[in-house]
Amino acid sequence: MEQDTKFLELVVKALVDAPDKVKIVRTVDEMGVLLTLVVDNADMGKVIGRSGNTAKAIRTLLRVVGMKNNSRVNLKINEPEGAEPRMATVSKEPTTKTVDEAMADLKL
């Protein structure tokens, strides 16, 4: 098992309540190493963290591990089988503005 996979497995299994359901698939291509992580549905929140901070931290640490081994390491967290799709937070602001509104924002 590669060091990046061992590291990810150690960190994730320490975070979750069902470490036996943690699965990691490692693939290598011209873009680098891709680690695909699958955890139990109940543990998704623990791995992702509030505002995605835990997942960001794990990705940062994996990049450091990758640099040590001269490789680019990326992490993909798969939704577990049968999981409810997560809804993105909906912004109350309109996504498009008129030219006049955009000009007013610029305060020219």
PDB file of N, CA and C in Angstrom:
ATOM      1  N   MET A   1       0.844  -1.180   0.000  1.00  0.00           N
ATOM      2  CA  MET A   1       0.000   0.000   0.000  1.00  0.00           C
ATOM      3  C   MET A   1       0.895   1.251   0.000  1.00  0.00           C
ATOM      4  N   GLU A   2       0.549   2.216  -0.825  1.00  0.00           N
ATOM      5  CA  GLU A   2       1.332   3.441  -0.946  1.00  0.00           C
ATOM      6  C   GLU A   2       1.177   4.298   0.302  1.00  0.00           C
ATOM      7  N   GLN A   3       2.165   5.194   0.530  1.00  0.00           N
ATOM      8  CA  GLN A   3       2.135   6.039   1.720  1.00  0.00           C
ATOM      9  C   GLN A   3       0.921   6.954   1.755  1.00  0.00           C
ATOM     10  N   ASP A   4       0.522   7.512   0.600  1.00  0.00           N
ATOM     11  CA  ASP A   4      -0.625   8.415   0.593  1.00  0.00           C
ATOM     12  C   ASP A   4      -1.910   7.685   0.983  1.00  0.00           C
ATOM     13  N   THR A   5      -2.059   6.457   0.519  1.00  0.00           N
ATOM     14  CA  THR A   5      -3.238   5.658   0.854  1.00  0.00           C
ATOM     15  C   THR A   5      -3.229   5.282   2.331  1.00  0.00           C
ATOM     16  N   LYS A   6      -2.069   4.890   2.839  1.00  0.00           N
ATOM     17  CA  LYS A   6      -1.942   4.553   4.257  1.00  0.00           C
ATOM     18  C   LYS A   6      -2.295   5.757   5.126  1.00  0.00           C
ATOM     19  N   PHE A   7      -1.778   6.911   4.741  1.00  0.00           N
ATOM     20  CA  PHE A   7      -2.034   8.129   5.504  1.00  0.00           C
ATOM     21  C   PHE A   7      -3.530   8.444   5.532  1.00  0.00           C
ATOM     22  N   LEU A   8      -4.165   8.431   4.351  1.00  0.00           N
ATOM     23  CA  LEU A   8      -5.592   8.735   4.271  1.00  0.00           C
ATOM     24  C   LEU A   8      -6.400   7.740   5.098  1.00  0.00           C
ATOM     25  N   GLU A   9      -6.064   6.468   4.999  1.00  0.00           N
ATOM     26  CA  GLU A   9      -6.783   5.443   5.748  1.00  0.00           C
ATOM     27  C   GLU A   9      -6.651   5.673   7.255  1.00  0.00           C
ATOM     28  N   LEU A  10      -5.459   5.987   7.717  1.00  0.00           N
ATOM     29  CA  LEU A  10      -5.221   6.236   9.141  1.00  0.00           C
ATOM     30  C   LEU A  10      -6.044   7.420   9.642  1.00  0.00           C
ATOM     31  N   VAL A  11      -6.033   8.522   8.890  1.00  0.00           N
ATOM     32  CA  VAL A  11      -6.751   9.733   9.300  1.00  0.00           C
ATOM     33  C   VAL A  11      -8.259   9.499   9.288  1.00  0.00           C
ATOM     34  N   VAL A  12      -8.779   8.945   8.200  1.00  0.00           N
ATOM     35  CA  VAL A  12     -10.222   8.790   8.063  1.00  0.00           C
ATOM     36  C   VAL A  12     -10.760   7.775   9.069  1.00  0.00           C
ATOM     37  N   LYS A  13     -10.072   6.667   9.255  1.00  0.00           N
ATOM     38  CA  LYS A  13     -10.544   5.653  10.211  1.00  0.00           C
ATOM     39  C   LYS A  13     -10.553   6.195  11.637  1.00  0.00           C
ATOM     40  N   ALA A  14      -9.676   7.156  11.939  1.00  0.00           N
ATOM     41  CA  ALA A  14      -9.670   7.775  13.261  1.00  0.00           C
ATOM     42  C   ALA A  14     -10.862   8.722  13.441  1.00  0.00           C
ATOM     43  N   LEU A  15     -11.397   9.247  12.341  1.00  0.00           N
ATOM     44  CA  LEU A  15     -12.505  10.203  12.408  1.00  0.00           C
ATOM     45  C   LEU A  15     -13.884   9.552  12.479  1.00  0.00           C
ATOM     46  N   VAL A  16     -14.053   8.423  11.816  1.00  0.00           N
ATOM     47  CA  VAL A  16     -15.394   7.858  11.607  1.00  0.00           C
ATOM     48  C   VAL A  16     -15.790   6.868  12.703  1.00  0.00           C
ATOM     49  N   ASP A  17     -17.104   6.595  12.770  1.00  0.00           N
ATOM     50  CA  ASP A  17     -17.631   5.613  13.720  1.00  0.00           C
ATOM     51  C   ASP A  17     -17.617   4.193  13.147  1.00  0.00           C
ATOM     52  N   ALA A  18     -17.591   4.070  11.818  1.00  0.00           N
ATOM     53  CA  ALA A  18     -17.591   2.751  11.168  1.00  0.00           C
ATOM     54  C   ALA A  18     -16.330   2.599  10.315  1.00  0.00           C
ATOM     55  N   PRO A  19     -15.159   2.402  10.962  1.00  0.00           N
ATOM     56  CA  PRO A  19     -13.912   2.313  10.190  1.00  0.00           C
ATOM     57  C   PRO A  19     -13.863   1.113   9.241  1.00  0.00           C
ATOM     58  N   ASP A  20     -14.647   0.076   9.524  1.00  0.00           N
ATOM     59  CA  ASP A  20     -14.655  -1.097   8.648  1.00  0.00           C
ATOM     60  C   ASP A  20     -15.327  -0.812   7.306  1.00  0.00           C
ATOM     61  N   LYS A  21     -16.082   0.292   7.208  1.00  0.00           N
ATOM     62  CA  LYS A  21     -16.758   0.634   5.955  1.00  0.00           C
ATOM     63  C   LYS A  21     -15.975   1.640   5.117  1.00  0.00           C
ATOM     64  N   VAL A  22     -14.775   1.997   5.551  1.00  0.00           N
ATOM     65  CA  VAL A  22     -13.928   2.932   4.799  1.00  0.00           C
ATOM     66  C   VAL A  22     -13.280   2.180   3.644  1.00  0.00           C
ATOM     67  N   LYS A  23     -13.444   2.713   2.435  1.00  0.00           N
ATOM     68  CA  LYS A  23     -12.818   2.113   1.249  1.00  0.00           C
ATOM     69  C   LYS A  23     -12.075   3.202   0.503  1.00  0.00           C
ATOM     70  N   ILE A  24     -10.870   2.883   0.075  1.00  0.00           N
ATOM     71  CA  ILE A  24     -10.056   3.837  -0.676  1.00  0.00           C
ATOM     72  C   ILE A  24      -9.589   3.159  -1.953  1.00  0.00           C
ATOM     73  N   VAL A  25      -9.838   3.831  -3.075  1.00  0.00           N
ATOM     74  CA  VAL A  25      -9.376   3.327  -4.370  1.00  0.00           C
ATOM     75  C   VAL A  25      -8.330   4.316  -4.879  1.00  0.00           C
ATOM     76  N   ARG A  26      -7.157   3.807  -5.231  1.00  0.00           N
ATOM     77  CA  ARG A  26      -6.051   4.656  -5.705  1.00  0.00           C
ATOM     78  C   ARG A  26      -5.854   4.431  -7.192  1.00  0.00           C
ATOM     79  N   THR A  27      -5.915   5.525  -7.961  1.00  0.00           N
ATOM     80  CA  THR A  27      -5.640   5.442  -9.399  1.00  0.00           C
ATOM     81  C   THR A  27      -4.578   6.472  -9.749  1.00  0.00           C
ATOM     82  N   VAL A  28      -3.757   6.130 -10.722  1.00  0.00           N
ATOM     83  CA  VAL A  28      -2.681   7.016 -11.156  1.00  0.00           C
ATOM     84  C   VAL A  28      -2.840   7.250 -12.648  1.00  0.00           C
ATOM     85  N   ASP A  29      -2.752   8.528 -13.061  1.00  0.00           N
ATOM     86  CA  ASP A  29      -2.773   8.871 -14.477  1.00  0.00           C
ATOM     87  C   ASP A  29      -1.814  10.038 -14.706  1.00  0.00           C
ATOM     88  N   GLU A  30      -1.905  10.658 -15.883  1.00  0.00           N
ATOM     89  CA  GLU A  30      -0.975  11.745 -16.209  1.00  0.00           C
ATOM     90  C   GLU A  30      -1.168  12.969 -15.313  1.00  0.00           C
ATOM     91  N   MET A  31      -2.337  13.079 -14.661  1.00  0.00           N
ATOM     92  CA  MET A  31      -2.615  14.204 -13.770  1.00  0.00           C
ATOM     93  C   MET A  31      -2.067  13.974 -12.366  1.00  0.00           C
ATOM     94  N   GLY A  32      -1.706  12.757 -12.042  1.00  0.00           N
ATOM     95  CA  GLY A  32      -1.187  12.430 -10.720  1.00  0.00           C
ATOM     96  C   GLY A  32      -1.966  11.290 -10.091  1.00  0.00           C
ATOM     97  N   VAL A  33      -2.036  11.318  -8.774  1.00  0.00           N
ATOM     98  CA  VAL A  33      -2.704  10.266  -8.011  1.00  0.00           C
ATOM     99  C   VAL A  33      -4.091  10.763  -7.615  1.00  0.00           C
ATOM    100  N   LEU A  34      -5.092   9.916  -7.799  1.00  0.00           N
ATOM    101  CA  LEU A  34      -6.440  10.232  -7.347  1.00  0.00           C
ATOM    102  C   LEU A  34      -6.838   9.182  -6.325  1.00  0.00           C
ATOM    103  N   LEU A  35      -7.144   9.641  -5.110  1.00  0.00           N
ATOM    104  CA  LEU A  35      -7.639   8.757  -4.071  1.00  0.00           C
ATOM    105  C   LEU A  35      -9.141   8.985  -3.963  1.00  0.00           C
ATOM    106  N   THR A  36      -9.910   7.926  -4.191  1.00  0.00           N
ATOM    107  CA  THR A  36     -11.358   8.004  -4.096  1.00  0.00           C
ATOM    108  C   THR A  36     -11.774   7.354  -2.785  1.00  0.00           C
ATOM    109  N   LEU A  37     -12.458   8.125  -1.953  1.00  0.00           N
ATOM    110  CA  LEU A  37     -12.826   7.688  -0.615  1.00  0.00           C
ATOM    111  C   LEU A  37     -14.320   7.416  -0.530  1.00  0.00           C
ATOM    112  N   VAL A  38     -14.675   6.283   0.057  1.00  0.00           N
ATOM    113  CA  VAL A  38     -16.072   5.944   0.327  1.00  0.00           C
ATOM    114  C   VAL A  38     -16.173   5.630   1.816  1.00  0.00           C
ATOM    115  N   VAL A  39     -17.133   6.291   2.490  1.00  0.00           N
ATOM    116  CA  VAL A  39     -17.377   6.023   3.903  1.00  0.00           C
ATOM    117  C   VAL A  39     -18.860   5.761   4.098  1.00  0.00           C
ATOM    118  N   ASP A  40     -19.212   5.287   5.285  1.00  0.00           N
ATOM    119  CA  ASP A  40     -20.609   5.054   5.627  1.00  0.00           C
ATOM    120  C   ASP A  40     -21.379   6.368   5.578  1.00  0.00           C
ATOM    121  N   ASN A  41     -22.638   6.301   5.175  1.00  0.00           N
ATOM    122  CA  ASN A  41     -23.467   7.500   5.050  1.00  0.00           C
ATOM    123  C   ASN A  41     -23.489   8.319   6.342  1.00  0.00           C
ATOM    124  N   ALA A  42     -23.559   7.659   7.482  1.00  0.00           N
ATOM    125  CA  ALA A  42     -23.617   8.360   8.770  1.00  0.00           C
ATOM    126  C   ALA A  42     -22.310   9.097   9.087  1.00  0.00           C
ATOM    127  N   ASP A  43     -21.219   8.721   8.435  1.00  0.00           N
ATOM    128  CA  ASP A  43     -19.910   9.323   8.712  1.00  0.00           C
ATOM    129  C   ASP A  43     -19.519  10.433   7.740  1.00  0.00           C
ATOM    130  N   MET A  44     -20.359  10.692   6.747  1.00  0.00           N
ATOM    131  CA  MET A  44     -20.016  11.719   5.750  1.00  0.00           C
ATOM    132  C   MET A  44     -19.747  13.073   6.395  1.00  0.00           C
ATOM    133  N   GLY A  45     -20.575  13.462   7.335  1.00  0.00           N
ATOM    134  CA  GLY A  45     -20.408  14.762   7.994  1.00  0.00           C
ATOM    135  C   GLY A  45     -19.095  14.870   8.737  1.00  0.00           C
ATOM    136  N   LYS A  46     -18.646  13.776   9.333  1.00  0.00           N
ATOM    137  CA  LYS A  46     -17.381  13.786  10.069  1.00  0.00           C
ATOM    138  C   LYS A  46     -16.195  13.970   9.127  1.00  0.00           C
ATOM    139  N   VAL A  47     -16.276  13.361   7.952  1.00  0.00           N
ATOM    140  CA  VAL A  47     -15.173  13.443   6.995  1.00  0.00           C
ATOM    141  C   VAL A  47     -15.148  14.804   6.295  1.00  0.00           C
ATOM    142  N   ILE A  48     -16.330  15.333   5.981  1.00  0.00           N
ATOM    143  CA  ILE A  48     -16.396  16.614   5.280  1.00  0.00           C
ATOM    144  C   ILE A  48     -16.198  17.777   6.252  1.00  0.00           C
ATOM    145  N   GLY A  49     -16.822  17.699   7.421  1.00  0.00           N
ATOM    146  CA  GLY A  49     -16.658  18.744   8.421  1.00  0.00           C
ATOM    147  C   GLY A  49     -17.517  19.955   8.145  1.00  0.00           C
ATOM    148  N   ARG A  50     -17.553  20.846   9.121  1.00  0.00           N
ATOM    149  CA  ARG A  50     -18.343  22.068   9.001  1.00  0.00           C
ATOM    150  C   ARG A  50     -17.774  22.934   7.885  1.00  0.00           C
ATOM    151  N   SER A  51     -18.607  23.314   6.947  1.00  0.00           N
ATOM    152  CA  SER A  51     -18.212  24.112   5.769  1.00  0.00           C
ATOM    153  C   SER A  51     -17.115  23.439   4.951  1.00  0.00           C
ATOM    154  N   GLY A  52     -16.983  22.130   5.082  1.00  0.00           N
ATOM    155  CA  GLY A  52     -15.977  21.408   4.305  1.00  0.00           C
ATOM    156  C   GLY A  52     -14.561  21.555   4.828  1.00  0.00           C
ATOM    157  N   ASN A  53     -14.409  22.082   6.038  1.00  0.00           N
ATOM    158  CA  ASN A  53     -13.068  22.359   6.563  1.00  0.00           C
ATOM    159  C   ASN A  53     -12.243  21.105   6.806  1.00  0.00           C
ATOM    160  N   THR A  54     -12.861  20.028   7.275  1.00  0.00           N
ATOM    161  CA  THR A  54     -12.104  18.798   7.518  1.00  0.00           C
ATOM    162  C   THR A  54     -11.609  18.214   6.198  1.00  0.00           C
ATOM    163  N   ALA A  55     -12.472  18.185   5.185  1.00  0.00           N
ATOM    164  CA  ALA A  55     -12.065  17.676   3.869  1.00  0.00           C
ATOM    165  C   ALA A  55     -10.942  18.527   3.287  1.00  0.00           C
ATOM    166  N   LYS A  56     -11.029  19.850   3.437  1.00  0.00           N
ATOM    167  CA  LYS A  56      -9.969  20.742   2.939  1.00  0.00           C
ATOM    168  C   LYS A  56      -8.651  20.451   3.639  1.00  0.00           C
ATOM    169  N   ALA A  57      -8.707  20.243   4.956  1.00  0.00           N
ATOM    170  CA  ALA A  57      -7.490  19.955   5.716  1.00  0.00           C
ATOM    171  C   ALA A  57      -6.868  18.632   5.279  1.00  0.00           C
ATOM    172  N   ILE A  58      -7.702  17.614   5.073  1.00  0.00           N
ATOM    173  CA  ILE A  58      -7.195  16.312   4.621  1.00  0.00           C
ATOM    174  C   ILE A  58      -6.552  16.458   3.246  1.00  0.00           C
ATOM    175  N   ARG A  59      -7.189  17.208   2.352  1.00  0.00           N
ATOM    176  CA  ARG A  59      -6.620  17.423   1.008  1.00  0.00           C
ATOM    177  C   ARG A  59      -5.274  18.137   1.090  1.00  0.00           C
ATOM    178  N   THR A  60      -5.178  19.131   1.966  1.00  0.00           N
ATOM    179  CA  THR A  60      -3.914  19.861   2.128  1.00  0.00           C
ATOM    180  C   THR A  60      -2.815  18.924   2.615  1.00  0.00           C
ATOM    181  N   LEU A  61      -3.128  18.112   3.615  1.00  0.00           N
ATOM    182  CA  LEU A  61      -2.137  17.169   4.131  1.00  0.00           C
ATOM    183  C   LEU A  61      -1.741  16.130   3.080  1.00  0.00           C
ATOM    184  N   LEU A  62      -2.709  15.699   2.256  1.00  0.00           N
ATOM    185  CA  LEU A  62      -2.386  14.744   1.187  1.00  0.00           C
ATOM    186  C   LEU A  62      -1.452  15.364   0.156  1.00  0.00           C
ATOM    187  N   ARG A  63      -1.620  16.663  -0.119  1.00  0.00           N
ATOM    188  CA  ARG A  63      -0.698  17.340  -1.049  1.00  0.00           C
ATOM    189  C   ARG A  63       0.719  17.349  -0.485  1.00  0.00           C
ATOM    190  N   VAL A  64       0.840  17.548   0.830  1.00  0.00           N
ATOM    191  CA  VAL A  64       2.150  17.541   1.472  1.00  0.00           C
ATOM    192  C   VAL A  64       2.770  16.152   1.378  1.00  0.00           C
ATOM    193  N   VAL A  65       1.972  15.123   1.649  1.00  0.00           N
ATOM    194  CA  VAL A  65       2.458  13.744   1.518  1.00  0.00           C
ATOM    195  C   VAL A  65       2.888  13.483   0.074  1.00  0.00           C
ATOM    196  N   GLY A  66       2.099  13.985  -0.876  1.00  0.00           N
ATOM    197  CA  GLY A  66       2.432  13.812  -2.294  1.00  0.00           C
ATOM    198  C   GLY A  66       3.724  14.505  -2.665  1.00  0.00           C
ATOM    199  N   MET A  67       3.919  15.733  -2.154  1.00  0.00           N
ATOM    200  CA  MET A  67       5.164  16.459  -2.459  1.00  0.00           C
ATOM    201  C   MET A  67       6.380  15.692  -1.969  1.00  0.00           C
ATOM    202  N   LYS A  68       6.242  15.084  -0.806  1.00  0.00           N
ATOM    203  CA  LYS A  68       7.347  14.295  -0.248  1.00  0.00           C
ATOM    204  C   LYS A  68       7.706  13.135  -1.179  1.00  0.00           C
ATOM    205  N   ASN A  69       6.699  12.623  -1.879  1.00  0.00           N
ATOM    206  CA  ASN A  69       6.905  11.487  -2.784  1.00  0.00           C
ATOM    207  C   ASN A  69       6.917  11.895  -4.251  1.00  0.00           C
ATOM    208  N   ASN A  70       7.085  13.209  -4.527  1.00  0.00           N
ATOM    209  CA  ASN A  70       7.146  13.738  -5.891  1.00  0.00           C
ATOM    210  C   ASN A  70       5.932  13.366  -6.728  1.00  0.00           C
ATOM    211  N   SER A  71       4.743  13.480  -6.129  1.00  0.00           N
ATOM    212  CA  SER A  71       3.527  13.209  -6.892  1.00  0.00           C
ATOM    213  C   SER A  71       2.438  14.193  -6.470  1.00  0.00           C
ATOM    214  N   ARG A  72       1.478  14.365  -7.350  1.00  0.00           N
ATOM    215  CA  ARG A  72       0.339  15.239  -7.059  1.00  0.00           C
ATOM    216  C   ARG A  72      -0.812  14.345  -6.618  1.00  0.00           C
ATOM    217  N   VAL A  73      -1.294  14.571  -5.407  1.00  0.00           N
ATOM    218  CA  VAL A  73      -2.343  13.718  -4.843  1.00  0.00           C
ATOM    219  C   VAL A  73      -3.632  14.519  -4.701  1.00  0.00           C
ATOM    220  N   ASN A  74      -4.723  13.979  -5.243  1.00  0.00           N
ATOM    221  CA  ASN A  74      -6.047  14.589  -5.130  1.00  0.00           C
ATOM    222  C   ASN A  74      -6.979  13.621  -4.434  1.00  0.00           C
ATOM    223  N   LEU A  75      -7.977  14.176  -3.753  1.00  0.00           N
ATOM    224  CA  LEU A  75      -8.945  13.367  -3.023  1.00  0.00           C
ATOM    225  C   LEU A  75     -10.345  13.620  -3.556  1.00  0.00           C
ATOM    226  N   LYS A  76     -11.056  12.540  -3.837  1.00  0.00           N
ATOM    227  CA  LYS A  76     -12.462  12.610  -4.225  1.00  0.00           C
ATOM    228  C   LYS A  76     -13.245  11.822  -3.179  1.00  0.00           C
ATOM    229  N   ILE A  77     -14.284  12.465  -2.613  1.00  0.00           N
ATOM    230  CA  ILE A  77     -15.104  11.798  -1.615  1.00  0.00           C
ATOM    231  C   ILE A  77     -16.415  11.407  -2.288  1.00  0.00           C
ATOM    232  N   ASN A  78     -16.640  10.107  -2.433  1.00  0.00           N
ATOM    233  CA  ASN A  78     -17.856   9.603  -3.085  1.00  0.00           C
ATOM    234  C   ASN A  78     -19.009   9.564  -2.101  1.00  0.00           C
ATOM    235  N   GLU A  79     -20.208   9.871  -2.612  1.00  0.00           N
ATOM    236  CA  GLU A  79     -21.419   9.695  -1.811  1.00  0.00           C
ATOM    237  C   GLU A  79     -21.615   8.191  -1.611  1.00  0.00           C
ATOM    238  N   PRO A  80     -21.982   7.769  -0.407  1.00  0.00           N
ATOM    239  CA  PRO A  80     -22.207   6.334  -0.172  1.00  0.00           C
ATOM    240  C   PRO A  80     -23.411   5.832  -0.959  1.00  0.00           C
ATOM    241  N   GLU A  81     -23.470   4.529  -1.165  1.00  0.00           N
ATOM    242  CA  GLU A  81     -24.600   3.910  -1.869  1.00  0.00           C
ATOM    243  C   GLU A  81     -25.890   4.200  -1.110  1.00  0.00           C
ATOM    244  N   GLY A  82     -26.917   4.595  -1.833  1.00  0.00           N
ATOM    245  CA  GLY A  82     -28.214   4.840  -1.217  1.00  0.00           C
ATOM    246  C   GLY A  82     -28.314   6.128  -0.422  1.00  0.00           C
ATOM    247  N   ALA A  83     -27.320   6.994  -0.525  1.00  0.00           N
ATOM    248  CA  ALA A  83     -27.345   8.250   0.227  1.00  0.00           C
ATOM    249  C   ALA A  83     -28.294   9.239  -0.425  1.00  0.00           C
ATOM    250  N   GLU A  84     -28.911  10.050   0.400  1.00  0.00           N
ATOM    251  CA  GLU A  84     -29.755  11.127  -0.118  1.00  0.00           C
ATOM    252  C   GLU A  84     -28.850  12.173  -0.750  1.00  0.00           C
ATOM    253  N   PRO A  85     -29.186  12.699  -1.926  1.00  0.00           N
ATOM    254  CA  PRO A  85     -28.358  13.746  -2.518  1.00  0.00           C
ATOM    255  C   PRO A  85     -28.346  14.972  -1.620  1.00  0.00           C
ATOM    256  N   ARG A  86     -27.180  15.559  -1.466  1.00  0.00           N
ATOM    257  CA  ARG A  86     -27.050  16.740  -0.617  1.00  0.00           C
ATOM    258  C   ARG A  86     -27.455  17.966  -1.417  1.00  0.00           C
ATOM    259  N   MET A  87     -28.181  18.851  -0.749  1.00  0.00           N
ATOM    260  CA  MET A  87     -28.621  20.079  -1.392  1.00  0.00           C
ATOM    261  C   MET A  87     -27.613  21.184  -1.101  1.00  0.00           C
ATOM    262  N   ALA A  88     -27.251  21.914  -2.119  1.00  0.00           N
ATOM    263  CA  ALA A  88     -26.370  23.056  -1.931  1.00  0.00           C
ATOM    264  C   ALA A  88     -27.167  24.184  -1.279  1.00  0.00           C
ATOM    265  N   THR A  89     -26.476  25.014  -0.525  1.00  0.00           N
ATOM    266  CA  THR A  89     -27.137  26.154   0.092  1.00  0.00           C
ATOM    267  C   THR A  89     -27.567  27.118  -1.007  1.00  0.00           C
ATOM    268  N   VAL A  90     -28.808  27.523  -0.959  1.00  0.00           N
ATOM    269  CA  VAL A  90     -29.348  28.396  -1.996  1.00  0.00           C
ATOM    270  C   VAL A  90     -29.159  29.838  -1.565  1.00  0.00           C
ATOM    271  N   SER A  91     -28.549  30.620  -2.436  1.00  0.00           N
ATOM    272  CA  SER A  91     -28.348  32.038  -2.172  1.00  0.00           C
ATOM    273  C   SER A  91     -29.636  32.789  -2.424  1.00  0.00           C
ATOM    274  N   LYS A  92     -29.902  33.768  -1.578  1.00  0.00           N
ATOM    275  CA  LYS A  92     -31.111  34.560  -1.744  1.00  0.00           C
ATOM    276  C   LYS A  92     -30.906  35.695  -2.741  1.00  0.00           C
ATOM    277  N   GLU A  93     -29.667  35.981  -3.100  1.00  0.00           N
ATOM    278  CA  GLU A  93     -29.384  37.045  -4.054  1.00  0.00           C
ATOM    279  C   GLU A  93     -29.542  36.526  -5.477  1.00  0.00           C
ATOM    280  N   PRO A  94     -30.003  37.385  -6.394  1.00  0.00           N
ATOM    281  CA  PRO A  94     -30.107  36.931  -7.789  1.00  0.00           C
ATOM    282  C   PRO A  94     -28.710  36.653  -8.346  1.00  0.00           C
ATOM    283  N   THR A  95     -28.643  35.647  -9.213  1.00  0.00           N
ATOM    284  CA  THR A  95     -27.349  35.275  -9.764  1.00  0.00           C
ATOM    285  C   THR A  95     -26.944  36.158 -10.942  1.00  0.00           C
ATOM    286  N   THR A  96     -27.916  36.823 -11.556  1.00  0.00           N
ATOM    287  CA  THR A  96     -27.593  37.722 -12.658  1.00  0.00           C
ATOM    288  C   THR A  96     -28.092  39.118 -12.318  1.00  0.00           C
ATOM    289  N   LYS A  97     -27.406  40.109 -12.847  1.00  0.00           N
ATOM    290  CA  LYS A  97     -27.774  41.503 -12.617  1.00  0.00           C
ATOM    291  C   LYS A  97     -27.949  42.191 -13.950  1.00  0.00           C
ATOM    292  N   THR A  98     -28.729  43.233 -13.919  1.00  0.00           N
ATOM    293  CA  THR A  98     -28.865  44.036 -15.124  1.00  0.00           C
ATOM    294  C   THR A  98     -27.602  44.872 -15.265  1.00  0.00           C
ATOM    295  N   VAL A  99     -27.403  45.434 -16.426  1.00  0.00           N
ATOM    296  CA  VAL A  99     -26.239  46.292 -16.668  1.00  0.00           C
ATOM    297  C   VAL A  99     -26.266  47.477 -15.710  1.00  0.00           C
ATOM    298  N   ASP A 100     -27.437  48.039 -15.488  1.00  0.00           N
ATOM    299  CA  ASP A 100     -27.558  49.184 -14.581  1.00  0.00           C
ATOM    300  C   ASP A 100     -27.168  48.809 -13.154  1.00  0.00           C
ATOM    301  N   GLU A 101     -27.596  47.627 -12.704  1.00  0.00           N
ATOM    302  CA  GLU A 101     -27.239  47.182 -11.350  1.00  0.00           C
ATOM    303  C   GLU A 101     -25.731  46.953 -11.235  1.00  0.00           C
ATOM    304  N   ALA A 102     -25.136  46.349 -12.261  1.00  0.00           N
ATOM    305  CA  ALA A 102     -23.696  46.104 -12.243  1.00  0.00           C
ATOM    306  C   ALA A 102     -22.928  47.428 -12.253  1.00  0.00           C
ATOM    307  N   MET A 103     -23.393  48.396 -13.023  1.00  0.00           N
ATOM    308  CA  MET A 103     -22.741  49.712 -13.054  1.00  0.00           C
ATOM    309  C   MET A 103     -22.862  50.430 -11.698  1.00  0.00           C
ATOM    310  N   ALA A 104     -24.028  50.294 -11.057  1.00  0.00           N
ATOM    311  CA  ALA A 104     -24.233  50.884  -9.746  1.00  0.00           C
ATOM    312  C   ALA A 104     -23.290  50.269  -8.722  1.00  0.00           C
ATOM    313  N   ASP A 105     -23.027  48.955  -8.822  1.00  0.00           N
ATOM    314  CA  ASP A 105     -22.100  48.279  -7.918  1.00  0.00           C
ATOM    315  C   ASP A 105     -20.673  48.818  -8.088  1.00  0.00           C
ATOM    316  N   LEU A 106     -20.314  49.179  -9.301  1.00  0.00           N
ATOM    317  CA  LEU A 106     -18.970  49.684  -9.566  1.00  0.00           C
ATOM    318  C   LEU A 106     -18.770  51.106  -9.035  1.00  0.00           C
ATOM    319  N   LYS A 107     -19.849  51.829  -8.831  1.00  0.00           N
ATOM    320  CA  LYS A 107     -19.820  53.198  -8.312  1.00  0.00           C
ATOM    321  C   LYS A 107     -18.885  54.088  -9.114  1.00  0.00           C
ATOM    322  N   LEU A 108     -19.055  54.057 -10.425  1.00  0.00           N
ATOM    323  CA  LEU A 108     -18.217  54.877 -11.319  1.00  0.00           C
ATOM    324  C   LEU A 108     -18.719  56.293 -11.410  1.00  0.00           C
TER     325      LEU A 108
END
